């Protein structure tokens, strides 16, 4: 099954499938870092971030303004690339923030403090 989420996108705390992990890797490490949930080693901080955010928490922030359409596992790679770029690079669905470029740091700080609401 090509849509099993076995990859993590840090620092956003989201789990993604192998195809989407490749798309995230192509964005560059200045946007996100991709880790296998089974093959890579994890620090305690990385595990804490994943446990506190996960897809639900990540989407509460990154899709606070719900997109009109989301790709499905059956969507084309091009559609997935477009959506991921809008969501993670342009941050098109994030509510107004003083500095959206500081979102990754804000998520990490909120995770460490156990206060995701601080980012919302």
N, C-alpha and C. Protein backbone atom coordinates (compact mmCIF):
# COMPACT_ATOMS: atom_id res chain seq x y z
N UNK A 1 0.85 -1.19 0.00
CA UNK A 1 0.00 0.00 0.00
C UNK A 1 0.88 1.24 0.00
N UNK A 2 0.74 2.09 -0.97
CA UNK A 2 1.57 3.26 -1.11
C UNK A 2 1.22 4.41 -0.21
N UNK A 3 0.18 4.32 0.59
CA UNK A 3 -0.21 5.46 1.41
C UNK A 3 -0.02 5.21 2.90
N UNK A 4 0.69 4.15 3.27
CA UNK A 4 0.95 3.89 4.68
C UNK A 4 1.93 4.94 5.22
N UNK A 5 1.56 5.65 6.28
CA UNK A 5 2.44 6.70 6.79
C UNK A 5 3.59 6.12 7.62
N UNK A 6 4.74 5.93 7.00
CA UNK A 6 5.89 5.37 7.70
C UNK A 6 7.05 6.36 7.77
N UNK A 7 6.78 7.62 7.44
CA UNK A 7 7.80 8.65 7.44
C UNK A 7 7.29 9.85 8.23
N UNK A 8 8.20 10.52 8.92
CA UNK A 8 7.86 11.70 9.72
C UNK A 8 8.47 12.94 9.10
N UNK A 9 7.71 14.03 9.16
CA UNK A 9 8.17 15.32 8.67
C UNK A 9 8.41 16.21 9.88
N UNK A 10 9.67 16.54 10.10
CA UNK A 10 10.05 17.37 11.24
C UNK A 10 10.42 18.76 10.73
N UNK A 11 10.16 19.80 11.45
CA UNK A 11 9.67 19.86 12.81
C UNK A 11 8.15 19.95 12.92
N UNK A 12 7.43 19.57 11.87
CA UNK A 12 5.98 19.73 11.87
C UNK A 12 5.24 18.61 12.58
N UNK A 13 5.91 17.49 12.83
CA UNK A 13 5.29 16.41 13.58
C UNK A 13 4.28 15.60 12.80
N UNK A 14 4.33 15.65 11.48
CA UNK A 14 3.35 14.94 10.65
C UNK A 14 3.91 13.62 10.14
N UNK A 15 3.04 12.63 10.04
CA UNK A 15 3.39 11.35 9.43
C UNK A 15 2.89 11.35 7.99
N UNK A 16 3.73 10.85 7.08
CA UNK A 16 3.38 10.85 5.66
C UNK A 16 3.78 9.52 5.02
N UNK A 17 3.26 9.27 3.82
CA UNK A 17 3.61 8.08 3.06
C UNK A 17 4.98 8.27 2.39
N UNK A 18 5.49 7.22 1.81
CA UNK A 18 6.81 7.29 1.18
C UNK A 18 6.83 8.27 0.01
N UNK A 19 5.75 8.33 -0.79
CA UNK A 19 5.74 9.28 -1.91
C UNK A 19 5.80 10.72 -1.41
N UNK A 20 5.01 11.03 -0.40
CA UNK A 20 5.02 12.40 0.14
C UNK A 20 6.35 12.70 0.85
N UNK A 21 6.98 11.68 1.43
CA UNK A 21 8.28 11.90 2.06
C UNK A 21 9.30 12.35 1.01
N UNK A 22 9.22 11.76 -0.19
CA UNK A 22 10.12 12.17 -1.27
C UNK A 22 9.87 13.60 -1.70
N UNK A 23 8.62 14.00 -1.73
CA UNK A 23 8.28 15.38 -2.08
C UNK A 23 8.84 16.33 -1.02
N UNK A 24 8.68 15.96 0.26
CA UNK A 24 9.22 16.79 1.34
C UNK A 24 10.74 16.89 1.25
N UNK A 25 11.40 15.77 0.95
CA UNK A 25 12.87 15.81 0.80
C UNK A 25 13.28 16.79 -0.28
N UNK A 26 12.51 16.87 -1.35
CA UNK A 26 12.87 17.76 -2.46
C UNK A 26 12.71 19.24 -2.09
N UNK A 27 11.97 19.54 -1.03
CA UNK A 27 11.80 20.93 -0.60
C UNK A 27 13.07 21.48 0.04
N UNK A 28 13.91 20.59 0.56
CA UNK A 28 15.13 21.02 1.23
C UNK A 28 14.99 21.00 2.73
N UNK A 29 16.12 20.82 3.40
CA UNK A 29 16.10 20.72 4.87
C UNK A 29 15.80 22.05 5.55
N UNK A 30 15.86 23.14 4.82
CA UNK A 30 15.47 24.42 5.42
C UNK A 30 13.95 24.51 5.59
N UNK A 31 13.20 23.66 4.90
CA UNK A 31 11.74 23.60 5.04
C UNK A 31 11.35 22.48 5.99
N UNK A 32 11.82 21.28 5.73
CA UNK A 32 11.47 20.14 6.58
C UNK A 32 12.54 19.07 6.49
N UNK A 33 12.57 18.25 7.50
CA UNK A 33 13.48 17.11 7.53
C UNK A 33 12.62 15.85 7.61
N UNK A 34 12.99 14.84 6.85
CA UNK A 34 12.21 13.61 6.79
C UNK A 34 12.97 12.50 7.49
N UNK A 35 12.26 11.76 8.33
CA UNK A 35 12.85 10.64 9.05
C UNK A 35 11.94 9.43 8.93
N UNK A 36 12.56 8.26 8.76
CA UNK A 36 11.79 7.01 8.78
C UNK A 36 11.41 6.71 10.22
N UNK A 37 10.17 6.25 10.42
CA UNK A 37 9.78 5.92 11.79
C UNK A 37 10.37 4.58 12.24
N UNK A 38 10.91 3.81 11.30
CA UNK A 38 11.50 2.52 11.67
C UNK A 38 12.99 2.42 11.40
N UNK A 39 13.53 3.15 10.43
CA UNK A 39 14.92 2.98 10.03
C UNK A 39 15.88 3.99 10.64
N UNK A 40 15.41 5.17 10.98
CA UNK A 40 16.28 6.23 11.49
C UNK A 40 16.31 6.23 13.02
N UNK A 41 17.38 6.80 13.56
CA UNK A 41 17.44 6.97 15.01
C UNK A 41 16.72 8.28 15.37
N UNK A 42 16.19 8.30 16.58
CA UNK A 42 15.38 9.41 17.04
C UNK A 42 15.91 9.92 18.37
N UNK A 43 15.94 11.25 18.53
CA UNK A 43 16.27 11.83 19.83
C UNK A 43 15.00 11.87 20.66
N UNK A 44 15.16 12.07 21.95
CA UNK A 44 13.98 12.20 22.83
C UNK A 44 13.13 13.40 22.42
N UNK A 45 13.78 14.48 22.00
CA UNK A 45 13.04 15.69 21.60
C UNK A 45 12.21 15.45 20.35
N UNK A 46 12.78 14.70 19.39
CA UNK A 46 12.05 14.39 18.17
C UNK A 46 10.82 13.53 18.48
N UNK A 47 11.00 12.54 19.32
CA UNK A 47 9.89 11.66 19.70
C UNK A 47 8.82 12.46 20.45
N UNK A 48 9.25 13.37 21.31
CA UNK A 48 8.30 14.20 22.06
C UNK A 48 7.49 15.08 21.11
N UNK A 49 8.16 15.67 20.14
CA UNK A 49 7.47 16.50 19.15
C UNK A 49 6.40 15.70 18.41
N UNK A 50 6.76 14.51 17.96
CA UNK A 50 5.80 13.66 17.25
C UNK A 50 4.63 13.28 18.14
N UNK A 51 4.92 12.93 19.38
CA UNK A 51 3.86 12.52 20.30
C UNK A 51 2.91 13.67 20.61
N UNK A 52 3.44 14.87 20.73
CA UNK A 52 2.60 16.01 21.10
C UNK A 52 1.87 16.64 19.92
N UNK A 53 2.47 16.59 18.74
CA UNK A 53 1.83 17.19 17.58
C UNK A 53 1.08 16.15 16.76
N UNK A 54 1.81 15.30 16.08
CA UNK A 54 1.17 14.34 15.19
C UNK A 54 0.43 15.07 14.08
N UNK A 55 -0.24 14.31 13.24
CA UNK A 55 -0.94 14.92 12.11
C UNK A 55 -2.05 15.85 12.56
N UNK A 56 -2.74 15.48 13.62
CA UNK A 56 -3.85 16.33 14.09
C UNK A 56 -3.34 17.70 14.53
N UNK A 57 -2.31 17.71 15.36
CA UNK A 57 -1.75 18.98 15.82
C UNK A 57 -1.13 19.78 14.71
N UNK A 58 -0.40 19.10 13.82
CA UNK A 58 0.22 19.80 12.69
C UNK A 58 -0.85 20.44 11.82
N UNK A 59 -1.93 19.72 11.55
CA UNK A 59 -2.99 20.26 10.69
C UNK A 59 -3.78 21.36 11.37
N UNK A 60 -3.87 21.34 12.70
CA UNK A 60 -4.55 22.43 13.40
C UNK A 60 -3.84 23.75 13.14
N UNK A 61 -2.54 23.69 12.94
CA UNK A 61 -1.75 24.89 12.67
C UNK A 61 -1.62 25.13 11.17
N UNK A 62 -1.16 24.11 10.44
CA UNK A 62 -0.85 24.28 9.01
C UNK A 62 -2.08 24.33 8.12
N UNK A 63 -3.23 23.89 8.64
CA UNK A 63 -4.48 23.96 7.88
C UNK A 63 -5.56 24.66 8.72
N UNK A 64 -5.14 25.65 9.48
CA UNK A 64 -6.10 26.40 10.30
C UNK A 64 -7.16 27.06 9.42
N UNK A 65 -6.77 27.45 8.23
CA UNK A 65 -7.70 27.94 7.21
C UNK A 65 -7.87 26.79 6.24
N UNK A 66 -8.90 25.98 6.41
CA UNK A 66 -9.00 24.72 5.66
C UNK A 66 -8.90 24.90 4.15
N UNK A 67 -8.05 24.07 3.53
CA UNK A 67 -7.95 24.12 2.06
C UNK A 67 -9.24 23.64 1.42
N UNK A 68 -9.54 24.15 0.24
CA UNK A 68 -10.77 23.73 -0.44
C UNK A 68 -10.67 22.28 -0.91
N UNK A 69 -9.47 21.84 -1.23
CA UNK A 69 -9.25 20.45 -1.65
C UNK A 69 -7.94 19.94 -1.06
N UNK A 70 -7.95 18.67 -0.69
CA UNK A 70 -6.74 18.00 -0.23
C UNK A 70 -6.49 16.82 -1.16
N UNK A 71 -5.24 16.52 -1.46
CA UNK A 71 -4.99 15.35 -2.29
C UNK A 71 -5.33 14.06 -1.54
N UNK A 72 -5.66 13.05 -2.27
CA UNK A 72 -5.94 11.73 -1.71
C UNK A 72 -4.79 10.80 -2.10
N UNK A 73 -4.74 9.60 -1.54
CA UNK A 73 -3.69 8.66 -1.98
C UNK A 73 -3.71 8.41 -3.49
N UNK A 74 -4.88 8.55 -4.11
CA UNK A 74 -4.99 8.31 -5.55
C UNK A 74 -4.64 9.53 -6.40
N UNK A 75 -4.41 10.69 -5.77
CA UNK A 75 -4.07 11.91 -6.51
C UNK A 75 -2.73 11.76 -7.20
N UNK A 76 -2.55 12.54 -8.24
CA UNK A 76 -1.28 12.50 -8.97
C UNK A 76 -0.17 13.08 -8.11
N UNK A 77 1.05 12.70 -8.45
CA UNK A 77 2.20 13.26 -7.74
C UNK A 77 2.24 14.78 -7.89
N UNK A 78 1.90 15.28 -9.06
CA UNK A 78 1.90 16.73 -9.29
C UNK A 78 0.92 17.43 -8.36
N UNK A 79 -0.27 16.85 -8.16
CA UNK A 79 -1.25 17.44 -7.25
C UNK A 79 -0.73 17.45 -5.82
N UNK A 80 -0.07 16.36 -5.42
CA UNK A 80 0.50 16.27 -4.07
C UNK A 80 1.62 17.30 -3.90
N UNK A 81 2.48 17.44 -4.93
CA UNK A 81 3.56 18.42 -4.87
C UNK A 81 3.02 19.83 -4.70
N UNK A 82 1.99 20.15 -5.46
CA UNK A 82 1.38 21.48 -5.37
C UNK A 82 0.83 21.73 -3.98
N UNK A 83 0.09 20.77 -3.44
CA UNK A 83 -0.51 20.93 -2.11
C UNK A 83 0.57 21.07 -1.03
N UNK A 84 1.57 20.22 -1.08
CA UNK A 84 2.64 20.26 -0.08
C UNK A 84 3.39 21.59 -0.14
N UNK A 85 3.62 22.09 -1.34
CA UNK A 85 4.28 23.38 -1.47
C UNK A 85 3.42 24.50 -0.88
N UNK A 86 2.12 24.48 -1.17
CA UNK A 86 1.22 25.49 -0.59
C UNK A 86 1.17 25.39 0.93
N UNK A 87 1.15 24.17 1.44
CA UNK A 87 1.00 23.96 2.88
C UNK A 87 2.29 24.24 3.66
N UNK A 88 3.40 23.72 3.22
CA UNK A 88 4.63 23.78 4.01
C UNK A 88 5.58 24.91 3.61
N UNK A 89 5.58 25.32 2.35
CA UNK A 89 6.50 26.37 1.92
C UNK A 89 5.82 27.74 1.98
N UNK A 90 4.69 27.86 1.32
CA UNK A 90 3.98 29.14 1.30
C UNK A 90 3.15 29.38 2.55
N UNK A 91 2.81 28.29 3.24
CA UNK A 91 1.98 28.34 4.47
C UNK A 91 0.66 29.07 4.20
N UNK A 92 0.06 28.70 3.07
CA UNK A 92 -1.16 29.34 2.59
C UNK A 92 -2.35 29.13 3.52
N UNK A 93 -2.35 28.05 4.31
CA UNK A 93 -3.52 27.73 5.14
C UNK A 93 -3.30 28.06 6.61
N UNK A 94 -2.20 28.74 6.93
CA UNK A 94 -1.88 29.13 8.31
C UNK A 94 -2.57 30.46 8.60
N UNK A 95 -3.14 30.57 9.80
CA UNK A 95 -3.73 31.85 10.20
C UNK A 95 -2.63 32.91 10.22
N UNK A 96 -3.04 34.15 10.17
CA UNK A 96 -2.06 35.24 10.21
C UNK A 96 -1.17 35.09 11.44
N UNK A 97 0.12 35.15 11.19
CA UNK A 97 1.10 35.10 12.26
C UNK A 97 2.03 36.29 12.08
N UNK A 98 2.64 36.71 13.17
CA UNK A 98 3.60 37.81 13.08
C UNK A 98 4.73 37.45 12.11
N UNK A 99 5.18 36.20 12.18
CA UNK A 99 6.27 35.77 11.31
C UNK A 99 6.08 34.30 10.93
N UNK A 100 5.38 34.02 9.81
CA UNK A 100 5.15 32.64 9.44
C UNK A 100 6.43 31.87 9.15
N UNK A 101 7.51 32.56 8.85
CA UNK A 101 8.77 31.85 8.62
C UNK A 101 9.32 31.28 9.91
N UNK A 102 8.85 31.74 11.05
CA UNK A 102 9.29 31.24 12.35
C UNK A 102 8.41 30.10 12.86
N UNK A 103 7.48 29.63 12.02
CA UNK A 103 6.56 28.57 12.44
C UNK A 103 7.26 27.31 12.93
N UNK A 104 8.27 26.79 12.24
CA UNK A 104 8.92 25.58 12.76
C UNK A 104 9.47 25.75 14.17
N UNK A 105 10.11 26.89 14.43
CA UNK A 105 10.63 27.14 15.77
C UNK A 105 9.50 27.27 16.79
N UNK A 106 8.42 27.93 16.39
CA UNK A 106 7.28 28.09 17.30
C UNK A 106 6.66 26.74 17.64
N UNK A 107 6.57 25.83 16.67
CA UNK A 107 6.03 24.50 16.94
C UNK A 107 6.93 23.74 17.90
N UNK A 108 8.24 23.82 17.71
CA UNK A 108 9.17 23.13 18.61
C UNK A 108 9.07 23.68 20.03
N UNK A 109 9.01 24.99 20.16
CA UNK A 109 8.90 25.61 21.48
C UNK A 109 7.58 25.25 22.15
N UNK A 110 6.49 25.27 21.39
CA UNK A 110 5.19 24.91 21.94
C UNK A 110 5.17 23.45 22.37
N UNK A 111 5.81 22.58 21.59
CA UNK A 111 5.88 21.18 21.94
C UNK A 111 6.66 20.98 23.22
N UNK A 112 7.81 21.65 23.35
CA UNK A 112 8.63 21.52 24.55
C UNK A 112 7.89 22.02 25.78
N UNK A 113 7.07 23.07 25.60
CA UNK A 113 6.30 23.63 26.71
C UNK A 113 4.97 22.91 26.92
N UNK A 114 4.63 21.99 26.02
CA UNK A 114 3.35 21.30 26.11
C UNK A 114 2.17 22.22 25.87
N UNK A 115 2.36 23.23 25.02
CA UNK A 115 1.34 24.25 24.82
C UNK A 115 1.14 24.57 23.34
N UNK A 116 0.54 23.61 22.61
CA UNK A 116 0.28 23.81 21.18
C UNK A 116 -0.64 25.00 20.96
N UNK A 117 -1.53 25.28 21.89
CA UNK A 117 -2.45 26.39 21.75
C UNK A 117 -1.72 27.72 21.57
N UNK A 118 -0.47 27.81 22.04
CA UNK A 118 0.30 29.03 21.89
C UNK A 118 0.56 29.37 20.43
N UNK A 119 0.56 28.36 19.57
CA UNK A 119 0.83 28.57 18.15
C UNK A 119 -0.45 28.82 17.39
N UNK A 120 -1.57 28.36 17.90
CA UNK A 120 -2.84 28.46 17.17
C UNK A 120 -3.38 29.85 17.12
